[in-house]
């Protein structure tokens, strides 16, 4: 084949190949954008949907816990955080932005009326400690609602409960006393004051309780 013909054939082949190419996912014309873009980076989990539990029950039963040793604590500035694969959080369908004044923001102790008995939570706590491989003092560990009851967390959904180890500086034998409790109270105050929404508070504490106040700009 003459050189000129070979050159023309090669050029034509290159054009055809280029015409058949399509941009790969995440680049060019096919890259997702706006609200359809997949979340990436450090804040990828901050907008995930939170599961809805069964809500308050007349009679609670001991819930099955994750397999022993399958859950792993994380730490942020030495503060213990839950394993999001085991404890992603769950909210109660009985608490909504529209009924705050008759639920978590009402006077008269909303949470005390929906809290499971210690008979149920005591058994769950022992099982969950095995899930997380916790071997410290059970007296100093709290069986904690990740999304607290005063923020509309589900009372007995296993996705919303974890054995929270003592924070650094905790006095041994003093019982559960973690800074997360103060964060929950401040978020509750902000929700009831209307300075943040219920959904925002739930999302912030489920993502990282140790940074929830900073995330929402609450002093």
N, C-alpha and C. Protein backbone atom coordinates (compact mmCIF):
# COMPACT_ATOMS: atom_id res chain seq x y z
N UNK A 1 0.86 -1.19 0.00
CA UNK A 1 0.00 0.00 0.00
C UNK A 1 0.89 1.23 0.00
N UNK A 2 0.57 2.23 -0.86
CA UNK A 2 1.37 3.45 -0.91
C UNK A 2 1.37 4.14 0.45
N UNK A 3 2.45 4.91 0.71
CA UNK A 3 2.60 5.59 2.00
C UNK A 3 1.46 6.55 2.26
N UNK A 4 1.01 7.27 1.21
CA UNK A 4 -0.07 8.25 1.37
C UNK A 4 -1.35 7.55 1.79
N UNK A 5 -1.60 6.38 1.22
CA UNK A 5 -2.82 5.65 1.54
C UNK A 5 -2.79 5.15 2.97
N UNK A 6 -1.54 4.66 3.38
CA UNK A 6 -1.41 4.18 4.76
C UNK A 6 -1.65 5.32 5.73
N UNK A 7 -1.16 6.50 5.44
CA UNK A 7 -1.32 7.67 6.32
C UNK A 7 -2.80 8.06 6.45
N UNK A 8 -3.52 8.00 5.28
CA UNK A 8 -4.95 8.34 5.30
C UNK A 8 -5.75 7.34 6.11
N UNK A 9 -5.40 6.04 5.95
CA UNK A 9 -6.11 4.99 6.67
C UNK A 9 -5.90 5.11 8.17
N UNK A 10 -4.66 5.41 8.58
CA UNK A 10 -4.33 5.55 10.01
C UNK A 10 -5.08 6.73 10.61
N UNK A 11 -5.11 7.85 9.88
CA UNK A 11 -5.80 9.04 10.37
C UNK A 11 -7.29 8.80 10.53
N UNK A 12 -7.87 8.09 9.53
CA UNK A 12 -9.31 7.80 9.58
C UNK A 12 -9.64 6.90 10.78
N UNK A 13 -8.76 5.91 11.05
CA UNK A 13 -8.97 5.01 12.18
C UNK A 13 -8.93 5.79 13.49
N UNK A 14 -8.01 6.72 13.61
CA UNK A 14 -7.89 7.53 14.84
C UNK A 14 -9.15 8.35 15.07
N UNK A 15 -9.69 8.93 13.99
CA UNK A 15 -10.90 9.74 14.10
C UNK A 15 -12.06 8.87 14.58
N UNK A 16 -12.19 7.67 14.01
CA UNK A 16 -13.28 6.78 14.39
C UNK A 16 -13.18 6.35 15.86
N UNK A 17 -11.95 6.07 16.32
CA UNK A 17 -11.75 5.68 17.72
C UNK A 17 -12.12 6.80 18.66
N UNK A 18 -11.70 8.02 18.31
CA UNK A 18 -12.02 9.18 19.16
C UNK A 18 -13.51 9.42 19.21
N UNK A 19 -14.18 9.23 18.11
CA UNK A 19 -15.63 9.46 18.06
C UNK A 19 -16.38 8.47 18.92
N UNK A 20 -15.81 7.27 19.10
CA UNK A 20 -16.50 6.26 19.89
C UNK A 20 -16.21 6.34 21.36
N UNK A 21 -15.28 7.19 21.79
CA UNK A 21 -14.92 7.30 23.20
C UNK A 21 -15.97 8.09 23.95
N UNK A 22 -16.20 7.72 25.21
CA UNK A 22 -17.09 8.48 26.07
C UNK A 22 -16.36 8.83 27.35
N UNK A 23 -16.66 9.98 27.96
CA UNK A 23 -15.97 10.36 29.18
C UNK A 23 -16.24 9.34 30.28
N UNK A 24 -15.25 9.10 31.14
CA UNK A 24 -15.43 8.18 32.26
C UNK A 24 -16.22 8.85 33.35
N UNK A 25 -16.84 8.03 34.26
CA UNK A 25 -17.64 8.58 35.34
C UNK A 25 -16.79 9.49 36.20
N UNK A 26 -17.36 10.63 36.55
CA UNK A 26 -16.66 11.57 37.42
C UNK A 26 -15.86 12.60 36.65
N UNK A 27 -15.95 12.59 35.32
CA UNK A 27 -15.21 13.58 34.55
C UNK A 27 -16.03 14.00 33.36
N UNK A 28 -15.75 15.19 32.85
CA UNK A 28 -16.36 15.65 31.62
C UNK A 28 -17.86 15.71 31.67
N UNK A 29 -18.51 15.38 30.51
CA UNK A 29 -19.95 15.54 30.37
C UNK A 29 -20.75 14.62 31.26
N UNK A 30 -20.20 13.46 31.63
CA UNK A 30 -20.94 12.51 32.44
C UNK A 30 -20.76 12.70 33.93
N UNK A 31 -19.98 13.67 34.36
CA UNK A 31 -19.75 13.87 35.79
C UNK A 31 -21.02 14.35 36.45
N UNK A 32 -21.40 13.76 37.62
CA UNK A 32 -22.60 14.21 38.32
C UNK A 32 -22.41 15.61 38.84
N UNK A 33 -23.48 16.37 38.91
CA UNK A 33 -23.37 17.74 39.38
C UNK A 33 -24.60 18.09 40.19
N UNK A 34 -24.48 19.17 40.95
CA UNK A 34 -25.61 19.68 41.73
C UNK A 34 -26.11 18.65 42.72
N UNK A 35 -27.43 18.59 42.89
CA UNK A 35 -28.01 17.72 43.91
C UNK A 35 -27.87 16.24 43.58
N UNK A 36 -27.54 15.92 42.33
CA UNK A 36 -27.39 14.53 41.94
C UNK A 36 -25.98 14.00 42.15
N UNK A 37 -25.06 14.87 42.52
CA UNK A 37 -23.69 14.44 42.69
C UNK A 37 -23.56 13.54 43.92
N UNK A 38 -22.76 12.48 43.80
CA UNK A 38 -22.55 11.59 44.93
C UNK A 38 -21.69 12.30 45.95
N UNK A 39 -22.03 12.22 47.26
CA UNK A 39 -21.23 12.89 48.27
C UNK A 39 -19.87 12.24 48.41
N UNK A 40 -18.83 13.04 48.54
CA UNK A 40 -17.48 12.53 48.69
C UNK A 40 -16.78 13.31 49.79
N UNK A 41 -15.62 12.80 50.20
CA UNK A 41 -14.81 13.54 51.15
C UNK A 41 -15.26 13.36 52.59
N UNK A 42 -14.70 14.21 53.48
CA UNK A 42 -14.93 14.08 54.92
C UNK A 42 -16.39 14.23 55.29
N UNK A 43 -17.13 15.03 54.54
CA UNK A 43 -18.53 15.27 54.89
C UNK A 43 -19.51 14.37 54.16
N UNK A 44 -19.01 13.29 53.57
CA UNK A 44 -19.88 12.44 52.75
C UNK A 44 -21.03 11.85 53.53
N UNK A 45 -20.82 11.53 54.83
CA UNK A 45 -21.87 10.89 55.61
C UNK A 45 -22.77 11.89 56.31
N UNK A 46 -22.47 13.19 56.20
CA UNK A 46 -23.20 14.18 56.97
C UNK A 46 -24.62 14.39 56.44
N UNK A 47 -24.91 13.92 55.23
CA UNK A 47 -26.25 14.12 54.68
C UNK A 47 -26.98 12.79 54.47
N UNK A 48 -26.47 11.73 55.06
CA UNK A 48 -27.12 10.43 54.88
C UNK A 48 -28.47 10.40 55.59
N UNK A 49 -29.38 9.61 55.08
CA UNK A 49 -30.68 9.48 55.70
C UNK A 49 -30.56 8.68 56.99
N UNK A 50 -31.26 9.10 58.02
CA UNK A 50 -31.23 8.40 59.30
C UNK A 50 -32.42 7.44 59.35
N UNK A 51 -32.18 6.24 59.80
CA UNK A 51 -33.23 5.23 59.88
C UNK A 51 -34.31 5.65 60.86
N UNK A 52 -35.52 5.20 60.61
CA UNK A 52 -36.65 5.46 61.51
C UNK A 52 -36.97 4.16 62.24
N UNK A 53 -36.98 4.23 63.57
CA UNK A 53 -37.25 3.05 64.37
C UNK A 53 -38.73 2.85 64.62
N UNK A 54 -39.02 1.97 65.56
CA UNK A 54 -40.41 1.64 65.88
C UNK A 54 -41.07 2.67 66.77
N UNK A 55 -40.26 3.49 67.44
CA UNK A 55 -40.83 4.49 68.33
C UNK A 55 -41.15 3.93 69.71
N UNK A 56 -41.76 4.74 70.57
CA UNK A 56 -42.11 4.29 71.93
C UNK A 56 -43.04 3.08 71.90
N UNK A 57 -42.79 2.13 72.82
CA UNK A 57 -43.59 0.91 72.91
C UNK A 57 -44.16 0.76 74.32
N UNK A 58 -45.31 0.14 74.42
CA UNK A 58 -45.90 -0.14 75.73
C UNK A 58 -45.05 -1.15 76.48
N UNK A 59 -44.49 -2.10 75.76
CA UNK A 59 -43.64 -3.13 76.37
C UNK A 59 -42.42 -3.34 75.47
N UNK A 60 -41.24 -3.08 76.02
CA UNK A 60 -40.02 -3.27 75.26
C UNK A 60 -39.47 -4.68 75.47
N UNK A 61 -38.84 -5.21 74.45
CA UNK A 61 -38.18 -6.51 74.54
C UNK A 61 -36.69 -6.34 74.23
N UNK A 62 -35.90 -7.26 74.72
CA UNK A 62 -34.45 -7.20 74.50
C UNK A 62 -34.17 -7.38 73.01
N UNK A 63 -33.43 -6.43 72.45
CA UNK A 63 -33.13 -6.45 71.02
C UNK A 63 -31.83 -7.17 70.71
N UNK A 64 -31.81 -7.86 69.60
CA UNK A 64 -30.59 -8.54 69.15
C UNK A 64 -29.52 -7.50 68.85
N UNK A 65 -28.28 -7.80 69.24
CA UNK A 65 -27.17 -6.88 69.06
C UNK A 65 -26.21 -7.39 67.98
N UNK A 66 -25.34 -6.52 67.47
CA UNK A 66 -24.37 -6.96 66.46
C UNK A 66 -23.49 -8.10 66.98
N UNK A 67 -22.96 -8.86 66.07
CA UNK A 67 -22.10 -9.99 66.41
C UNK A 67 -20.94 -9.56 67.30
N UNK A 68 -20.59 -10.37 68.26
CA UNK A 68 -19.49 -10.05 69.17
C UNK A 68 -18.21 -9.75 68.39
N UNK A 69 -17.57 -8.64 68.75
CA UNK A 69 -16.31 -8.25 68.13
C UNK A 69 -16.43 -7.60 66.77
N UNK A 70 -17.66 -7.39 66.29
CA UNK A 70 -17.83 -6.84 64.95
C UNK A 70 -17.83 -5.31 64.91
N UNK A 71 -17.93 -4.67 66.07
CA UNK A 71 -17.99 -3.20 66.13
C UNK A 71 -16.69 -2.65 66.69
N UNK A 72 -16.30 -1.47 66.22
CA UNK A 72 -15.01 -0.90 66.62
C UNK A 72 -15.17 0.58 66.94
N UNK A 73 -14.66 0.97 68.10
CA UNK A 73 -14.70 2.37 68.49
C UNK A 73 -13.81 3.22 67.61
N UNK A 74 -14.22 4.47 67.40
CA UNK A 74 -13.38 5.48 66.77
C UNK A 74 -13.11 6.55 67.83
N UNK A 75 -12.14 7.43 67.58
CA UNK A 75 -11.83 8.48 68.54
C UNK A 75 -11.57 9.79 67.81
N UNK A 76 -12.09 10.86 68.37
CA UNK A 76 -11.87 12.21 67.85
C UNK A 76 -11.42 13.07 69.02
N UNK A 77 -10.15 13.53 68.98
CA UNK A 77 -9.56 14.26 70.10
C UNK A 77 -9.72 13.45 71.39
N UNK A 78 -9.47 12.17 71.29
CA UNK A 78 -9.50 11.22 72.41
C UNK A 78 -10.90 10.90 72.92
N UNK A 79 -11.93 11.49 72.32
CA UNK A 79 -13.30 11.20 72.72
C UNK A 79 -13.81 9.98 71.96
N UNK A 80 -14.44 9.04 72.66
CA UNK A 80 -14.93 7.83 71.99
C UNK A 80 -16.14 8.11 71.10
N UNK A 81 -16.10 7.54 69.91
CA UNK A 81 -17.21 7.64 68.97
C UNK A 81 -17.66 6.22 68.62
N UNK A 82 -18.91 6.10 68.24
CA UNK A 82 -19.48 4.81 67.88
C UNK A 82 -18.99 4.33 66.52
N UNK A 83 -19.20 3.08 66.23
CA UNK A 83 -18.94 2.52 64.91
C UNK A 83 -20.18 2.77 64.05
N UNK A 84 -20.09 3.61 63.01
CA UNK A 84 -21.28 3.93 62.22
C UNK A 84 -21.88 2.74 61.49
N UNK A 85 -21.12 1.68 61.31
CA UNK A 85 -21.66 0.49 60.67
C UNK A 85 -22.58 -0.27 61.62
N UNK A 86 -22.27 -0.19 62.92
CA UNK A 86 -23.08 -0.88 63.93
C UNK A 86 -24.13 0.04 64.54
N UNK A 87 -23.77 1.30 64.73
CA UNK A 87 -24.63 2.26 65.42
C UNK A 87 -24.76 3.54 64.60
N UNK A 88 -25.52 3.51 63.50
CA UNK A 88 -25.67 4.70 62.67
C UNK A 88 -26.68 5.69 63.21
N UNK A 89 -27.45 5.27 64.24
CA UNK A 89 -28.51 6.13 64.78
C UNK A 89 -29.86 5.75 64.20
N UNK A 90 -30.91 6.02 64.97
CA UNK A 90 -32.29 5.79 64.51
C UNK A 90 -33.18 6.77 65.25
N UNK A 91 -34.15 7.33 64.55
CA UNK A 91 -35.04 8.33 65.14
C UNK A 91 -36.43 7.75 65.38
N UNK A 92 -37.15 8.39 66.28
CA UNK A 92 -38.50 7.96 66.60
C UNK A 92 -39.51 8.63 65.68
N UNK A 93 -40.44 7.87 65.12
CA UNK A 93 -41.47 8.49 64.26
C UNK A 93 -42.45 9.33 65.06
N UNK A 94 -42.39 9.21 66.40
CA UNK A 94 -43.33 9.96 67.25
C UNK A 94 -42.91 11.41 67.47
N UNK A 95 -41.68 11.76 67.07
CA UNK A 95 -41.19 13.13 67.27
C UNK A 95 -40.91 13.77 65.92
N UNK A 96 -41.56 14.89 65.65
CA UNK A 96 -41.36 15.61 64.39
C UNK A 96 -41.18 17.09 64.68
N UNK A 97 -40.75 17.81 63.67
CA UNK A 97 -40.61 19.26 63.82
C UNK A 97 -41.95 19.90 64.15
N UNK A 98 -43.03 19.32 63.67
CA UNK A 98 -44.36 19.90 63.85
C UNK A 98 -44.93 19.69 65.25
N UNK A 99 -44.45 18.66 65.97
CA UNK A 99 -45.05 18.40 67.28
C UNK A 99 -44.08 18.55 68.45
N UNK A 100 -43.07 19.36 68.27
CA UNK A 100 -42.06 19.53 69.32
C UNK A 100 -42.65 19.96 70.65
N UNK A 101 -43.61 20.89 70.61
CA UNK A 101 -44.17 21.42 71.86
C UNK A 101 -44.95 20.37 72.65
N UNK A 102 -45.39 19.31 71.99
CA UNK A 102 -46.12 18.27 72.70
C UNK A 102 -45.27 17.03 72.96
N UNK A 103 -44.03 17.06 72.49
CA UNK A 103 -43.14 15.92 72.72
C UNK A 103 -41.89 16.39 73.48
N UNK A 104 -40.77 16.48 72.81
CA UNK A 104 -39.51 16.71 73.52
C UNK A 104 -39.38 18.09 74.16
N UNK A 105 -40.16 19.07 73.70
CA UNK A 105 -40.05 20.42 74.25
C UNK A 105 -41.12 20.74 75.29
N UNK A 106 -41.96 19.79 75.59
CA UNK A 106 -43.00 20.04 76.58
C UNK A 106 -42.43 19.92 77.99
N UNK A 107 -43.06 20.56 78.91
CA UNK A 107 -42.67 20.45 80.31
C UNK A 107 -43.34 19.20 80.89
N UNK A 108 -42.62 18.50 81.73
CA UNK A 108 -43.23 17.34 82.36
C UNK A 108 -42.51 16.02 82.10
N UNK A 109 -41.32 16.07 81.50
CA UNK A 109 -40.53 14.85 81.37
C UNK A 109 -40.97 13.89 80.30
N UNK A 110 -40.85 14.28 79.06
CA UNK A 110 -41.22 13.41 77.95
C UNK A 110 -40.39 12.12 77.94
N UNK A 111 -39.08 12.25 78.15
CA UNK A 111 -38.20 11.10 77.99
C UNK A 111 -38.42 10.02 79.04
N UNK A 112 -38.78 10.41 80.26
CA UNK A 112 -38.96 9.40 81.31
C UNK A 112 -40.12 8.46 81.02
N UNK A 113 -41.08 8.93 80.25
CA UNK A 113 -42.24 8.10 79.94
C UNK A 113 -42.04 7.13 78.80
N UNK A 114 -40.93 7.26 78.07
CA UNK A 114 -40.70 6.38 76.92
C UNK A 114 -39.43 5.54 77.06
N UNK A 115 -38.73 5.70 78.16
CA UNK A 115 -37.44 5.01 78.33
C UNK A 115 -37.66 3.53 78.66
N UNK A 116 -36.94 2.63 77.99
CA UNK A 116 -37.05 1.20 78.31
C UNK A 116 -36.59 0.93 79.74
N UNK A 117 -37.08 -0.15 80.32
CA UNK A 117 -36.71 -0.48 81.69
C UNK A 117 -35.26 -0.95 81.76
N UNK A 118 -34.68 -0.85 82.94
CA UNK A 118 -33.30 -1.29 83.14
C UNK A 118 -33.17 -2.80 82.96
N UNK A 119 -34.28 -3.53 83.14
CA UNK A 119 -34.25 -4.97 82.92
C UNK A 119 -33.91 -5.26 81.46
N UNK A 120 -34.50 -4.49 80.55
CA UNK A 120 -34.25 -4.67 79.12
C UNK A 120 -32.89 -4.11 78.74
N UNK A 121 -32.61 -2.88 79.11
CA UNK A 121 -31.35 -2.24 78.70
C UNK A 121 -30.13 -2.88 79.35
N UNK A 122 -30.30 -3.44 80.55
CA UNK A 122 -29.18 -4.11 81.20
C UNK A 122 -28.71 -5.31 80.41
N UNK A 123 -29.65 -6.09 79.91
CA UNK A 123 -29.30 -7.25 79.09
C UNK A 123 -28.69 -6.81 77.75
N UNK A 124 -29.29 -5.77 77.17
CA UNK A 124 -28.77 -5.26 75.89
C UNK A 124 -27.36 -4.70 76.06
N UNK A 125 -27.12 -4.01 77.16
CA UNK A 125 -25.82 -3.40 77.41
C UNK A 125 -24.73 -4.47 77.48
N UNK A 126 -25.02 -5.56 78.17
CA UNK A 126 -24.04 -6.64 78.29
C UNK A 126 -23.73 -7.25 76.92
N UNK A 127 -24.76 -7.42 76.11
CA UNK A 127 -24.55 -7.97 74.77
C UNK A 127 -23.81 -7.00 73.87
N UNK A 128 -24.16 -5.71 73.97
CA UNK A 128 -23.52 -4.70 73.12
C UNK A 128 -22.06 -4.50 73.50
N UNK A 129 -21.73 -4.67 74.76
CA UNK A 129 -20.33 -4.58 75.19
C UNK A 129 -19.50 -5.64 74.47
N UNK A 130 -20.08 -6.82 74.27
CA UNK A 130 -19.40 -7.87 73.52
C UNK A 130 -19.30 -7.50 72.05
N UNK A 131 -20.34 -6.84 71.53
CA UNK A 131 -20.31 -6.40 70.12
C UNK A 131 -19.11 -5.49 69.89
N UNK A 132 -18.88 -4.58 70.83
CA UNK A 132 -17.80 -3.60 70.71
C UNK A 132 -16.47 -4.07 71.31
N UNK A 133 -16.48 -5.24 71.93
CA UNK A 133 -15.26 -5.73 72.56
C UNK A 133 -14.87 -4.90 73.77
N UNK A 134 -15.86 -4.29 74.42
CA UNK A 134 -15.58 -3.45 75.59
C UNK A 134 -15.34 -4.33 76.81
N UNK A 135 -14.20 -4.15 77.47
CA UNK A 135 -13.85 -4.97 78.62
C UNK A 135 -13.59 -4.14 79.87
N UNK A 136 -13.88 -2.84 79.80
CA UNK A 136 -13.68 -1.97 80.96
C UNK A 136 -14.81 -2.10 81.95
N UNK A 137 -14.84 -1.17 82.90
CA UNK A 137 -15.86 -1.18 83.94
C UNK A 137 -17.24 -0.88 83.34
N UNK A 138 -18.16 -1.78 83.55
CA UNK A 138 -19.53 -1.57 83.06
C UNK A 138 -20.20 -0.44 83.86
N UNK A 139 -19.75 -0.24 85.08
CA UNK A 139 -20.31 0.82 85.91
C UNK A 139 -20.00 2.20 85.32
N UNK A 140 -18.83 2.33 84.72
CA UNK A 140 -18.41 3.62 84.18
C UNK A 140 -18.80 3.81 82.72
N UNK A 141 -19.29 2.77 82.08
CA UNK A 141 -19.72 2.87 80.68
C UNK A 141 -21.21 3.15 80.63
N UNK A 142 -21.61 3.95 79.67
CA UNK A 142 -23.03 4.29 79.52
C UNK A 142 -23.62 3.56 78.33
N UNK A 143 -24.80 2.97 78.53
CA UNK A 143 -25.53 2.42 77.39
C UNK A 143 -26.29 3.59 76.80
N UNK A 144 -25.70 4.17 75.78
CA UNK A 144 -26.08 5.50 75.32
C UNK A 144 -26.93 5.48 74.05
N UNK A 145 -27.95 6.35 74.03
CA UNK A 145 -28.68 6.61 72.79
C UNK A 145 -27.83 7.57 71.95
N UNK A 146 -27.38 7.12 70.80
CA UNK A 146 -26.55 7.99 69.95
C UNK A 146 -27.30 9.28 69.66
N UNK A 147 -28.53 9.16 69.15
CA UNK A 147 -29.43 10.32 69.04
C UNK A 147 -30.28 10.26 70.29
N UNK A 148 -30.05 11.16 71.22
CA UNK A 148 -30.68 11.08 72.53
C UNK A 148 -32.20 11.15 72.46
N UNK A 149 -32.84 10.66 73.51
CA UNK A 149 -34.30 10.70 73.57
C UNK A 149 -34.81 12.14 73.52
N UNK A 150 -34.05 13.07 74.11
CA UNK A 150 -34.50 14.46 74.10
C UNK A 150 -34.29 15.13 72.75
N UNK A 151 -33.70 14.39 71.81
CA UNK A 151 -33.58 14.87 70.43
C UNK A 151 -34.40 13.99 69.47
N UNK A 152 -35.32 13.22 70.03
CA UNK A 152 -36.18 12.39 69.19
C UNK A 152 -35.55 11.10 68.73
N UNK A 153 -34.51 10.64 69.45
CA UNK A 153 -33.92 9.35 69.10
C UNK A 153 -34.85 8.20 69.45
N UNK A 154 -34.73 7.10 68.74
CA UNK A 154 -35.60 5.96 69.02
C UNK A 154 -35.20 5.32 70.35
N UNK A 155 -36.17 4.97 71.18
CA UNK A 155 -35.88 4.47 72.52
C UNK A 155 -35.13 3.14 72.61
N UNK A 156 -35.44 2.20 71.69
CA UNK A 156 -34.85 0.88 71.86
C UNK A 156 -34.42 0.22 70.55
N UNK A 157 -34.18 1.02 69.54
CA UNK A 157 -33.67 0.47 68.29
C UNK A 157 -32.17 0.20 68.46
N UNK A 158 -31.70 -1.02 68.19
CA UNK A 158 -30.28 -1.34 68.39
C UNK A 158 -29.34 -0.50 67.54
N UNK A 159 -29.87 0.12 66.49
CA UNK A 159 -29.03 1.00 65.67
C UNK A 159 -28.76 2.33 66.37
N UNK A 160 -29.47 2.59 67.45
CA UNK A 160 -29.34 3.87 68.14
C UNK A 160 -28.73 3.74 69.53
N UNK A 161 -28.25 2.55 69.89
CA UNK A 161 -27.71 2.33 71.23
C UNK A 161 -26.33 1.68 71.15
N UNK A 162 -25.44 2.15 72.01
CA UNK A 162 -24.08 1.61 72.05
C UNK A 162 -23.51 1.79 73.45
N UNK A 163 -22.57 0.93 73.81
CA UNK A 163 -21.86 1.06 75.08
C UNK A 163 -20.79 2.12 74.90
N UNK A 164 -21.02 3.29 75.49
CA UNK A 164 -20.09 4.42 75.37
C UNK A 164 -19.05 4.35 76.49
N UNK A 165 -17.78 4.18 76.14
CA UNK A 165 -16.74 4.09 77.18
C UNK A 165 -16.55 5.43 77.89
N UNK A 166 -15.92 5.43 79.06
CA UNK A 166 -15.63 6.68 79.76
C UNK A 166 -14.72 7.58 78.91
N UNK A 167 -14.93 8.88 79.01
CA UNK A 167 -14.08 9.83 78.31
C UNK A 167 -12.77 10.02 79.08
N UNK A 168 -11.74 10.57 78.44
CA UNK A 168 -10.48 10.81 79.14
C UNK A 168 -10.69 11.69 80.38
N UNK A 169 -10.01 11.35 81.46
CA UNK A 169 -10.12 12.12 82.69
C UNK A 169 -11.26 11.69 83.58
N UNK A 170 -12.01 10.70 83.12
CA UNK A 170 -13.14 10.22 83.92
C UNK A 170 -12.64 9.54 85.18
N UNK A 171 -13.26 9.83 86.30
CA UNK A 171 -12.87 9.22 87.56
C UNK A 171 -13.44 7.82 87.65
N UNK A 172 -12.56 6.85 87.80
CA UNK A 172 -13.00 5.46 87.85
C UNK A 172 -13.96 5.22 89.00
N UNK A 173 -15.03 4.52 88.72
CA UNK A 173 -16.01 4.19 89.74
C UNK A 173 -17.06 5.25 89.96
N UNK A 174 -16.97 6.36 89.24
CA UNK A 174 -17.90 7.47 89.44
C UNK A 174 -19.20 7.29 88.67
N UNK A 175 -19.27 6.26 87.84
CA UNK A 175 -20.46 6.06 87.03
C UNK A 175 -20.39 6.84 85.73
N UNK A 176 -21.33 6.62 84.83
CA UNK A 176 -21.32 7.33 83.53
C UNK A 176 -21.40 8.84 83.71
N UNK A 177 -20.50 9.54 83.07
CA UNK A 177 -20.49 11.00 83.12
C UNK A 177 -19.65 11.50 81.95
N UNK A 178 -20.27 11.57 80.79
CA UNK A 178 -19.54 11.92 79.57
C UNK A 178 -19.94 13.29 79.04
N UNK A 179 -19.01 14.00 78.39
CA UNK A 179 -19.34 15.32 77.84
C UNK A 179 -20.41 15.28 76.76
N UNK A 180 -20.68 14.11 76.21
CA UNK A 180 -21.75 13.99 75.21
C UNK A 180 -23.09 14.42 75.80
N UNK A 181 -23.29 14.17 77.10
CA UNK A 181 -24.55 14.54 77.75
C UNK A 181 -24.81 16.05 77.66
N UNK A 182 -23.75 16.83 77.86
CA UNK A 182 -23.88 18.29 77.80
C UNK A 182 -24.18 18.75 76.37
N UNK A 183 -23.59 18.06 75.39
CA UNK A 183 -23.85 18.37 73.99
C UNK A 183 -25.32 18.12 73.67
N UNK A 184 -25.85 17.02 74.14
CA UNK A 184 -27.26 16.69 73.91
C UNK A 184 -28.19 17.76 74.48
N UNK A 185 -27.86 18.22 75.68
CA UNK A 185 -28.70 19.23 76.34
C UNK A 185 -28.67 20.55 75.58
N UNK A 186 -27.50 20.95 75.11
CA UNK A 186 -27.39 22.20 74.36
C UNK A 186 -28.13 22.11 73.03
N UNK A 187 -28.06 20.96 72.38
CA UNK A 187 -28.78 20.77 71.12
C UNK A 187 -30.28 20.81 71.37
N UNK A 188 -30.72 20.18 72.44
CA UNK A 188 -32.14 20.19 72.80
C UNK A 188 -32.63 21.61 73.04
N UNK A 189 -31.84 22.39 73.75
CA UNK A 189 -32.20 23.79 74.01
C UNK A 189 -32.32 24.57 72.71
N UNK A 190 -31.39 24.33 71.79
CA UNK A 190 -31.40 25.04 70.50
C UNK A 190 -32.61 24.65 69.66
N UNK A 191 -32.95 23.36 69.67
CA UNK A 191 -34.11 22.90 68.90
C UNK A 191 -35.39 23.53 69.45
N UNK A 192 -35.54 23.51 70.77
CA UNK A 192 -36.77 24.04 71.38
C UNK A 192 -36.84 25.56 71.28
N UNK A 193 -35.68 26.21 71.15
CA UNK A 193 -35.66 27.66 70.98
C UNK A 193 -35.84 28.07 69.53
N UNK A 194 -35.78 27.10 68.63
CA UNK A 194 -35.97 27.39 67.21
C UNK A 194 -34.73 27.91 66.51
N UNK A 195 -33.56 27.80 67.16
CA UNK A 195 -32.33 28.28 66.54
C UNK A 195 -31.69 27.23 65.62
N UNK A 196 -32.17 25.99 65.72
CA UNK A 196 -31.77 24.95 64.78
C UNK A 196 -32.95 24.00 64.64
N UNK A 197 -32.99 23.26 63.57
CA UNK A 197 -34.12 22.35 63.38
C UNK A 197 -33.83 20.99 64.02
N UNK A 198 -34.87 20.24 64.24
CA UNK A 198 -34.74 18.91 64.80
C UNK A 198 -33.86 18.04 63.91
N UNK A 199 -34.11 18.08 62.61
CA UNK A 199 -33.35 17.25 61.67
C UNK A 199 -31.87 17.62 61.67
N UNK A 200 -31.56 18.90 61.76
CA UNK A 200 -30.17 19.33 61.78
C UNK A 200 -29.46 18.82 63.03
N UNK A 201 -30.14 18.91 64.16
CA UNK A 201 -29.54 18.45 65.41
C UNK A 201 -29.33 16.94 65.38
N UNK A 202 -30.30 16.21 64.87
CA UNK A 202 -30.18 14.75 64.78
C UNK A 202 -29.04 14.36 63.86
N UNK A 203 -28.95 15.02 62.73
CA UNK A 203 -27.90 14.71 61.77
C UNK A 203 -26.52 15.01 62.34
N UNK A 204 -26.39 16.14 63.03
CA UNK A 204 -25.09 16.56 63.56
C UNK A 204 -24.59 15.59 64.62
N UNK A 205 -25.48 15.17 65.53
CA UNK A 205 -25.02 14.29 66.61
C UNK A 205 -24.80 12.87 66.11
N UNK A 206 -25.54 12.45 65.11
CA UNK A 206 -25.34 11.12 64.54
C UNK A 206 -24.04 11.05 63.74
N UNK A 207 -23.61 12.16 63.19
CA UNK A 207 -22.38 12.20 62.40
C UNK A 207 -21.15 12.20 63.29
N UNK A 208 -21.12 13.07 64.28
CA UNK A 208 -19.99 13.15 65.22
C UNK A 208 -20.42 14.02 66.39
N UNK A 209 -20.76 13.38 67.52
CA UNK A 209 -21.29 14.15 68.64
C UNK A 209 -20.27 15.16 69.17
N UNK A 210 -18.97 14.86 69.01
CA UNK A 210 -17.93 15.74 69.57
C UNK A 210 -17.78 17.04 68.79
N UNK A 211 -18.31 17.08 67.55
CA UNK A 211 -18.23 18.31 66.75
C UNK A 211 -19.60 18.86 66.42
N UNK A 212 -20.66 18.28 66.98
CA UNK A 212 -22.03 18.66 66.63
C UNK A 212 -22.31 20.13 66.90
N UNK A 213 -21.90 20.64 68.05
CA UNK A 213 -22.15 22.04 68.40
C UNK A 213 -21.43 22.99 67.45
N UNK A 214 -20.19 22.67 67.15
CA UNK A 214 -19.40 23.50 66.23
C UNK A 214 -20.02 23.48 64.83
N UNK A 215 -20.46 22.30 64.41
CA UNK A 215 -21.07 22.16 63.08
C UNK A 215 -22.28 23.06 62.92
N UNK A 216 -23.08 23.19 63.99
CA UNK A 216 -24.30 23.99 63.95
C UNK A 216 -24.10 25.41 64.46
N UNK A 217 -22.88 25.75 64.83
CA UNK A 217 -22.61 27.11 65.31
C UNK A 217 -23.23 27.41 66.65
N UNK A 218 -23.32 26.40 67.50
CA UNK A 218 -23.90 26.58 68.84
C UNK A 218 -22.78 26.70 69.86
N UNK A 219 -22.79 27.78 70.64
CA UNK A 219 -21.71 28.00 71.59
C UNK A 219 -21.83 27.09 72.79
